[in-house]
Amino acid sequence: MPENDLALLTEAARDAGEIAARYWRQAPKEWDKPDGAGPVTEADLAVDEMLRTRLLAARPDYGWLSEETEDNPARLSAKRVFIVDPIDGTRAFIAGEKGFSHALAVVEDGRVIAAVVYLPMADRLYTAVTGQGARLNGDLIAVSAQQVVHQASILSAKHALAAEHWPQGVPDVKRSFRPSLAYRICRIADGSFDATMTFRPAWEWDIAAGALIAEEAGARVTDTKGAPLAFNAPHPQAPGLLVAPPALHKAFLQKLGS
């Protein structure tokens, strides 16, 4: 049952936070991944190893997809798959900032059915199960009521407001940023901001957990053309991301010419 998976993910995420805390602000070893894929630290790998061991021991028939594990195509034939980012926001982690998270999801037949995003240094635990709403530290959360683009506050990188993406003109919005994409999505879910978007390909481990949390909080979650997302793809990337309350989501798609 998804509820049982959620309990498993929640316990694992909290234990991941304990591991990350041992390295945080302790100058962990770090290096750059090949092909400009960004930094990684010994903490990322320690968390990944614990999660892989713990979760697959509990659910040996599930597949596995993680940013820090070499991909195994065997996951494509599994009915259910763990999709995990051991530390989302590694740059923030290296800088000693609190805005990194652990993002854990269970996907069944391409759809997320249970999800956790945990920020251990801020003690913020976002959770969701299909059809049961989304919660922050146990309390139900919901997206904002914003419907108007020019009044919206968005969480995104600067590139999201590049003129090339907006044939009708760059929208007049208030932009802020958080280093963890999973956390950005969750901040839309809890109503703190109105929308988040990226026009760059988004790895599934960055967005799977947040996608369910946002949907269960009332958001619409698609790519930037308005197409629904499907997870556990052979190449696990989505062609961009748009998350917002339904009316605002529609308004952004109109501004995008989609």
Protein backbone atom coordinates (compact mmCIF):
# COMPACT_ATOMS: atom_id res chain seq x y z
CA MET A 1 0.00 0.00 0.00
CA PRO A 2 1.24 3.57 -0.67
CA GLU A 3 0.73 4.41 3.02
CA ASN A 4 3.22 1.70 3.99
CA ASP A 5 5.67 3.05 1.42
CA LEU A 6 5.24 6.55 2.85
CA ALA A 7 6.14 5.35 6.34
CA LEU A 8 9.23 3.67 4.93
CA LEU A 9 10.26 6.78 2.99
CA THR A 10 9.71 9.03 5.99
CA GLU A 11 11.89 6.97 8.30
CA ALA A 12 14.60 6.72 5.65
CA ALA A 13 14.52 10.46 4.98
CA ARG A 14 14.96 11.28 8.65
CA ASP A 15 17.91 8.89 8.86
CA ALA A 16 19.35 10.53 5.75
CA GLY A 17 19.15 13.83 7.58
CA GLU A 18 21.17 12.44 10.46
CA ILE A 19 23.90 11.33 8.06
CA ALA A 20 23.93 14.67 6.24
CA ALA A 21 24.15 16.53 9.55
CA ARG A 22 27.41 14.76 10.38
CA TYR A 23 29.03 16.23 7.26
CA TRP A 24 27.28 19.61 7.14
CA ARG A 25 29.66 22.51 7.78
CA GLN A 26 32.47 19.99 8.37
CA ALA A 27 34.25 20.58 5.03
CA PRO A 28 33.24 17.27 3.43
CA LYS A 29 35.28 15.99 0.53
CA GLU A 30 33.85 17.26 -2.74
CA TRP A 31 34.56 16.96 -6.44
CA ASP A 32 32.92 17.72 -9.77
CA LYS A 33 31.07 15.09 -11.76
CA PRO A 34 32.00 14.52 -15.41
CA ASP A 35 30.36 16.46 -18.25
CA GLY A 36 29.48 19.46 -16.13
CA ALA A 37 26.93 17.52 -14.10
CA GLY A 38 27.68 19.53 -10.95
CA PRO A 39 29.36 18.87 -7.62
CA VAL A 40 29.08 15.83 -5.40
CA THR A 41 30.35 15.19 -1.88
CA GLU A 42 31.13 12.24 0.31
CA ALA A 43 27.88 13.03 2.11
CA ASP A 44 25.84 12.52 -1.08
CA LEU A 45 27.38 9.09 -1.50
CA ALA A 46 26.95 8.12 2.15
CA VAL A 47 23.27 9.06 2.06
CA ASP A 48 22.78 7.27 -1.24
CA GLU A 49 24.35 4.06 0.07
CA MET A 50 22.18 4.08 3.18
CA LEU A 51 18.98 4.76 1.23
CA ARG A 52 19.70 2.12 -1.39
CA THR A 53 20.52 -0.51 1.23
CA ARG A 54 17.60 0.35 3.51
CA LEU A 55 14.89 0.78 0.92
CA LEU A 56 15.76 -2.17 -1.30
CA ALA A 57 16.08 -4.44 1.72
CA ALA A 58 12.52 -3.51 2.65
CA ARG A 59 11.21 -3.70 -0.95
CA PRO A 60 13.53 -6.04 -2.90
CA ASP A 61 11.16 -6.21 -5.88
CA TYR A 62 11.23 -2.42 -6.44
CA GLY A 63 13.48 -0.79 -8.99
CA TRP A 64 16.02 1.90 -8.15
CA LEU A 65 16.84 5.26 -9.73
CA SER A 66 19.10 7.71 -7.91
CA GLU A 67 21.26 10.63 -8.91
CA GLU A 68 24.25 9.04 -7.22
CA THR A 69 23.88 5.42 -8.38
CA GLU A 70 24.82 4.15 -11.82
CA ASP A 71 21.59 3.56 -13.69
CA ASN A 72 20.44 -0.02 -14.13
CA PRO A 73 17.89 -0.66 -16.91
CA ALA A 74 16.35 -3.40 -14.77
CA ARG A 75 14.25 -0.66 -13.18
CA LEU A 76 12.28 -0.34 -16.42
CA SER A 77 10.66 -3.75 -15.89
CA ALA A 78 9.80 -3.16 -12.22
CA LYS A 79 6.18 -2.35 -11.36
CA ARG A 80 7.30 0.02 -8.61
CA VAL A 81 10.50 2.06 -8.49
CA PHE A 82 12.23 4.22 -5.89
CA ILE A 83 13.32 7.55 -7.37
CA VAL A 84 15.72 9.31 -5.03
CA ASP A 85 17.91 12.38 -4.82
CA PRO A 86 20.13 11.76 -1.78
CA ILE A 87 20.96 15.47 -1.43
CA ASP A 88 19.10 17.91 -3.65
CA GLY A 89 20.88 21.25 -3.50
CA THR A 90 24.43 19.98 -3.08
CA ARG A 91 25.87 23.44 -3.70
CA ALA A 92 23.85 24.77 -0.77
CA PHE A 93 25.03 21.84 1.34
CA ILE A 94 28.67 22.58 0.49
CA ALA A 95 28.15 26.25 1.33
CA GLY A 96 26.80 25.34 4.76
CA GLU A 97 23.30 26.60 3.93
CA LYS A 98 20.11 24.99 5.20
CA GLY A 99 18.28 24.85 1.87
CA PHE A 100 19.19 21.32 0.79
CA SER A 101 16.79 18.41 0.94
CA HIS A 102 16.39 14.67 0.65
CA ALA A 103 13.82 13.77 -2.04
CA LEU A 104 12.35 10.26 -2.06
CA ALA A 105 9.50 8.89 -4.17
CA VAL A 106 7.84 5.64 -5.11
CA VAL A 107 6.60 5.42 -8.70
CA GLU A 108 4.11 2.87 -9.99
CA ASP A 109 3.45 2.56 -13.72
CA GLY A 110 4.91 6.00 -14.37
CA ARG A 111 3.02 7.84 -11.61
CA VAL A 112 4.28 8.87 -8.19
CA ILE A 113 2.21 7.27 -5.43
CA ALA A 114 4.18 8.20 -2.29
CA ALA A 115 6.66 11.02 -1.70
CA VAL A 116 8.80 12.70 0.92
CA VAL A 117 10.92 15.86 0.72
CA TYR A 118 12.83 16.51 3.94
CA LEU A 119 14.96 19.51 4.86
CA PRO A 120 16.86 18.22 7.90
CA MET A 121 18.49 21.49 8.96
CA ALA A 122 15.14 23.28 8.89
CA ASP A 123 13.18 20.23 10.15
CA ARG A 124 10.63 20.59 7.34
CA LEU A 125 9.05 17.29 6.32
CA TYR A 126 6.78 17.36 3.27
CA THR A 127 4.81 14.17 2.58
CA ALA A 128 2.10 12.94 0.24
CA VAL A 129 0.25 9.79 -0.75
CA THR A 130 -1.99 9.60 -3.79
CA GLY A 131 -5.49 10.79 -2.97
CA GLN A 132 -4.76 11.79 0.63
CA GLY A 133 -3.51 15.36 0.34
CA ALA A 134 -0.09 16.82 1.09
CA ARG A 135 1.32 17.66 4.48
CA LEU A 136 4.09 19.70 6.07
CA ASN A 137 5.16 18.32 9.43
CA GLY A 138 1.81 16.54 9.63
CA ASP A 139 -0.43 19.49 8.77
CA LEU A 140 -2.37 19.64 5.50
CA ILE A 141 -1.10 22.21 3.01
CA ALA A 142 -2.59 23.83 -0.08
CA VAL A 143 -1.44 25.99 -2.97
CA SER A 144 -2.14 29.71 -3.12
CA ALA A 145 -5.30 31.19 -4.63
CA GLN A 146 -3.33 33.33 -7.09
CA GLN A 147 -4.77 33.41 -10.61
CA VAL A 148 -3.09 36.44 -12.20
CA VAL A 149 0.36 36.18 -13.78
CA HIS A 150 1.49 39.75 -13.13
CA GLN A 151 0.67 39.39 -9.42
CA ALA A 152 2.45 36.05 -9.03
CA SER A 153 5.55 35.28 -7.00
CA ILE A 154 7.68 32.57 -8.56
CA LEU A 155 10.60 30.43 -7.43
CA SER A 156 13.01 29.87 -10.28
CA ALA A 157 16.51 30.37 -11.60
CA LYS A 158 17.14 33.52 -13.65
CA HIS A 159 17.00 31.66 -16.96
CA ALA A 160 13.26 31.06 -16.49
CA LEU A 161 12.65 34.73 -17.27
CA ALA A 162 14.82 34.85 -20.39
CA ALA A 163 13.03 36.59 -23.26
CA GLU A 164 13.50 33.60 -25.59
CA HIS A 165 10.92 31.64 -23.61
CA TRP A 166 8.19 34.28 -23.66
CA PRO A 167 6.93 35.20 -27.15
CA GLN A 168 4.34 37.55 -25.65
CA GLY A 169 6.90 39.30 -23.45
CA VAL A 170 8.54 38.36 -20.17
CA PRO A 171 5.89 38.37 -17.43
CA ASP A 172 6.12 40.96 -14.67
CA VAL A 173 6.48 38.65 -11.69
CA LYS A 174 8.39 38.67 -8.43
CA ARG A 175 11.18 36.08 -8.66
CA SER A 176 12.95 34.36 -5.78
CA PHE A 177 15.23 31.34 -5.68
CA ARG A 178 15.90 28.25 -3.57
CA PRO A 179 18.78 25.91 -4.47
CA SER A 180 16.84 22.65 -4.16
CA LEU A 181 14.35 22.12 -6.99
CA ALA A 182 12.43 19.63 -4.86
CA TYR A 183 12.08 22.30 -2.17
CA ARG A 184 11.00 24.91 -4.72
CA ILE A 185 8.15 22.66 -5.77
CA CYS A 186 7.17 22.11 -2.15
CA ARG A 187 7.08 25.86 -1.51
CA ILE A 188 4.44 26.09 -4.21
CA ALA A 189 2.59 23.22 -2.54
CA ASP A 190 2.50 24.99 0.83
CA GLY A 191 1.31 28.27 -0.69
CA SER A 192 4.41 30.30 0.17
CA PHE A 193 4.96 31.06 -3.54
CA ASP A 194 2.64 30.85 -6.50
CA ALA A 195 4.60 29.02 -9.20
CA THR A 196 7.88 27.44 -10.17
CA MET A 197 9.21 26.63 -13.62
CA THR A 198 12.28 25.56 -15.50
CA PHE A 199 12.79 25.39 -19.25
CA ARG A 200 15.82 23.16 -18.91
CA PRO A 201 15.50 19.38 -18.84
CA ALA A 202 14.76 18.29 -15.27
CA TRP A 203 16.03 15.01 -13.87
CA GLU A 204 13.34 12.78 -12.43
CA TRP A 205 15.07 12.52 -9.06
CA ASP A 206 14.79 16.31 -8.69
CA ILE A 207 11.07 16.50 -9.39
CA ALA A 208 9.31 13.16 -8.74
CA ALA A 209 8.72 13.58 -5.00
CA GLY A 210 7.80 17.26 -5.26
CA ALA A 211 5.44 16.59 -8.14
CA LEU A 212 3.12 14.42 -6.06
CA ILE A 213 3.30 16.75 -3.07
CA ALA A 214 2.33 19.70 -5.27
CA GLU A 215 -0.46 17.81 -7.03
CA GLU A 216 -1.92 16.63 -3.74
CA ALA A 217 -1.80 20.23 -2.50
CA GLY A 218 -3.90 21.33 -5.48
CA ALA A 219 -1.29 22.35 -8.08
CA ARG A 220 -1.14 21.39 -11.70
CA VAL A 221 2.24 19.86 -12.58
CA THR A 222 3.32 19.57 -16.23
CA ASP A 223 6.15 20.35 -18.56
CA THR A 224 6.27 23.88 -19.99
CA LYS A 225 4.06 22.83 -22.93
CA GLY A 226 1.33 21.64 -20.59
CA ALA A 227 1.97 17.92 -21.10
CA PRO A 228 1.69 15.61 -18.07
CA LEU A 229 4.82 14.09 -16.60
CA ALA A 230 5.59 10.38 -16.58
CA PHE A 231 8.36 8.87 -14.47
CA ASN A 232 10.79 5.96 -14.72
CA ALA A 233 11.54 6.76 -18.35
CA PRO A 234 14.50 5.12 -20.12
CA HIS A 235 16.15 8.55 -20.17
CA PRO A 236 14.93 9.94 -16.85
CA GLN A 237 14.47 13.59 -17.72
CA ALA A 238 11.41 15.75 -18.20
CA PRO A 239 11.50 18.51 -20.86
CA GLY A 240 11.05 21.33 -18.37
CA LEU A 241 8.60 21.90 -15.55
CA LEU A 242 5.68 24.19 -14.67
CA VAL A 243 3.98 23.99 -11.28
CA ALA A 244 1.18 26.36 -10.24
CA PRO A 245 -2.45 26.46 -9.07
CA PRO A 246 -4.70 25.43 -12.00
CA ALA A 247 -5.93 28.87 -13.09
CA LEU A 248 -2.47 30.40 -12.82
CA HIS A 249 -0.95 27.42 -14.60
CA LYS A 250 -3.35 27.99 -17.49
CA ALA A 251 -2.48 31.69 -17.55
CA PHE A 252 1.25 30.94 -17.72
CA LEU A 253 0.72 28.49 -20.57
CA GLN A 254 -1.14 31.20 -22.45
CA LYS A 255 1.76 33.60 -21.91
CA LEU A 256 4.08 30.89 -23.21
CA GLY A 257 1.99 30.42 -26.30
CA SER A 258 1.27 26.79 -25.38
